[in-house]
Every structure is written in C-alpha cells, then in structure tokens.
Amino acid sequence: MRRLGLKSIWAVLLAAVLLLSAGLPVHARPGFFNRGAGSAAKPLPSSAPSGKLQEVAPPGAVQQLRQNLQQHRPSLRLIDPSNDSIVSSDALELRFEIEDWPLSSDPKLGLGPHVVLQIDNRAPLRLSESNGNRLKVRIDDLEAGSHRFSAWAAYPWGEAVQAPGASIQGRLHLWQKLQGTQPERDAPWLVPVSPAREQGLQPLLVDWLIWNAPLQNLREGDGRWRLRISIDGDSFLVDHQEALWLKGSNGSNSHDIQMELLNGLGEPITPVFNNQLIHLKSPSGPKPGWMRPRLTESQLARLSGSLEPEVLEVDESPPEPPQKAEEKQQEKTEQPRELLQAEIKVEVEDEIKTQPEAEPQPRAPEESDEQGPEQPFAEKPSTAEAALPTPPTLAKEKQAEPQQPAEEEPKLKPNSSLGGSARELLNSDGRLRKP
C-alpha cells in the first residue's frame, strides 16, 4: 500500500512540473549572427556616412562605363587546382576560366575590365590578359600551410561585379593543412575591395565582399549582420552589400579604410578574419580614364574592351573648316601654274641676257660733244626674235606700263674722229656721197 501511495504522489508532482514549465522560452545555441539575442534585443540600426564624409555620385566616366558593360554577365570559375586541395610544390599555379567579360588595358586610359585575385591579406593581383578565356597565375613566394583566396570580375575602376557567378572563393593548402588558421567552410569572412591603382582618389570608392553572409532585411527587425566602416576616424554602419562613393575625409591624399564585420547587435564576428584595414597611398601620375567627367565614343570603346569605332579622338586636331580646305586645294592647283610662269620668266630673262645689248642712241646735235667718240646706230630685233611669243608675265608688265609718245628720232650729224679720205666720203648730213 505504501508503494502505491508513493507512486501516486510522484505522478502528481510530475504533472505539476510539466504544467508549470510549459510556458518557459527555449533558447537556441548561440551562433555567429544571433549570439546574445533575447526577446527584448533589437538589431543595431545602420547609419549614413558621418563627419567629413559625404556620399556622392560616381564620376561621369564610371556611369558611362557601367551602362556600357551592363550587357555582359561575367562567369568565373577555378579550373586547377581544385578547391580545398593540397599542393605539393614550392610555387602555386592557379588557372581560371572567365566568360563574357572583355578583359582589356589601354596604355593611355588605364586598366579596363579585369579579374582580381586576392590570397589571404596579400596585395590584390589584377589580371587583364588571357589566352582565349583562360587565365593563369603563378605565385612563388607563398608560405607553406593553408590559405584562402577570392577572385572576382572587376570594373575598370576596381569595383567587384555583384552578380551570381562573377566571383568565387576557396581554400588551398601548400604541402599540408593547418587547422585553425582559416575560417571554417561555412563561416562568414570579409574581403575589402580596393579601388584600381590602390590610390586615394577623390571621390573615394569603398567596396567589399562578404562570403557566407545570410540574407537579411527580408522582414522588419531581421538584421543579421552589420559592417562598420571607418575612414580616417569617421565611422558609419551599413547593412547591405553595395559599393559607395565618398568625398571629404581629413583632406589628406592618403587614406586608411577599416572594415569590421559585426552581428545584428554590433558584436564582432571572428575578428581575426573580419577586421581588415587597407591603406590607400597618395595619388601619383595622370588620373585614370574612368576619373574623367566624360568619355568620347572612342575612349569608351577602348576602356570597356569593345571594338573601337571609326571616330576622332578629342585630343586629336579637329577637321579644318571647308573654307580653309578649299583654299589649300586652290593653292595646290595654282602652284604648278605659278611655277610654269616662273620658269618661262627665267628663260626669257636668260634669252634677254644672251642678246647683245642695245647701244645707246646718239645725243642730239646741241648736246653732242664733237670731241666724244662716235656712237653706233641701235640695232633692231631680227624677224625671228620678233616672232617669239611674249610670256604671260611680260605681257602683263607691258600692258601695265603707261604708253609714252614716241619721240622723234633726231637727225644724226657726223661725229667721227676719222680723217683723211674717209671724212671726204660723207655729206654734211652724214650720208654717203653718191659717186
């Protein structure tokens, strides 16, 4: 009887415990994105750039290039070695395949569409040349152990293409795996995306990739992660994955950009891999083409990797107006005629020089000097010389000269130093005497 009474009492107590504990909440195991979350916890709100930072529109050339490259859907994949494989070699050689992304680089305008490869926290490698659609990269100074890598299709200014298939990530091990040195396979990790040339150009591009980040903001209060961005001391929070263009900061030419991945409550998520800092050096050299306010059709085609249309460059000399072109053509057509006239004139002058010079006419009797020498008669041109055609230039000069009335030729008087019988053969008017 006592045993039956004890069983009844235990049954009553167990039923009371079950009834009292039915309304108590059940807590899930803390994870990356809900650690410390409770019924009264609210996600950390995002904030706009503060301090001296101001979000602005991208440069005009960036907007042109983005619109021109929207027709492409880049697809990137790793060919060799396979993800999470062990490489027994001192050098790591990676092979990728890129499709529907026109890789290019212009010597004057700068880098065009390209592929970026980043291993761990090393400096990014930018690839703009391919063999068909294949890319090959060899790295000789990689230390032994485990490494993580990211690769993505990038715009000319360095921004990552945010489209499915345009980026990949994975792990590789040189000689041997090292546990605990890399994030877990499904753990979130952050990759800051540096602008092309890694320089602090204004406006400043701020971009990033977050791997294994869950979807959020599907409903109100569904914040799962936040990214805290600090630029030269000014900080703000974002909850979406979209590149920013910022202007301002401390006025210096170099910039420090820190990115921290947080959960919805603002707590760090594995800060060993998700607290990253990049330093942008001071700008040097000419500005790249994508920093211009506007691109010509030719520049746009060259910088976007498409075929160059048959148009003139802005920096090339503009075409001459039709009037000047006609004048130049007229000069070209008139030049042979002028040369011909010059040659004719030279020939005529040579002929004149070769002809005997006309002897000066004798002076009038009142001005004659009987003591002077005898002056010969002027010779008339021969019939053959008179028949020669007059050159155009000489004819014009003769027409231009005013015609003067011909003076009456004065009668000649004997003015000779001959003596003896020769003087007696002449009449008083200088003519020969008739026999």
Foldseek 3Di string as FASTA:
>chain_A
DVVVVVVVVVVVVVVVVCVVCPPDDDDDDDDQFCHPPDPPDFFDDFDDFDDFKDFDDFFQLVVLLCVVLPVFDKAKDWDPDDFPEEDADLKDKTKMFIPRAQQAADPAQGGAKWKWKDKQQDDIDTGRDADPRMDMDMGRPDDFEKIKMKMFTAGRFFAGDPDPRRMDIGMYGYPDYDPPPDDDPLAKFKAWTATPPLWQDPQHKTAIDIPNDDDAPPDPRGFRKWKWKAKQHTITIDRDHDMTGMDTHPPDRKIKIWIFMGHRHRHGRPRVGGTDIGIRHGDDDDDHNSNDNDADQQRSCNRRNHDGDPDDHPPDDDDDDPVVVVVVVVCVVCVVVVVVLVVVVVVVVVVVVPDDDFWDDDDAPVPDDLVDADGDHGDDDDPVVVPDDDRPVVVVVVVVDDDDDDDDRHQDADRHPDDDPVVVQADRSGHGDDD
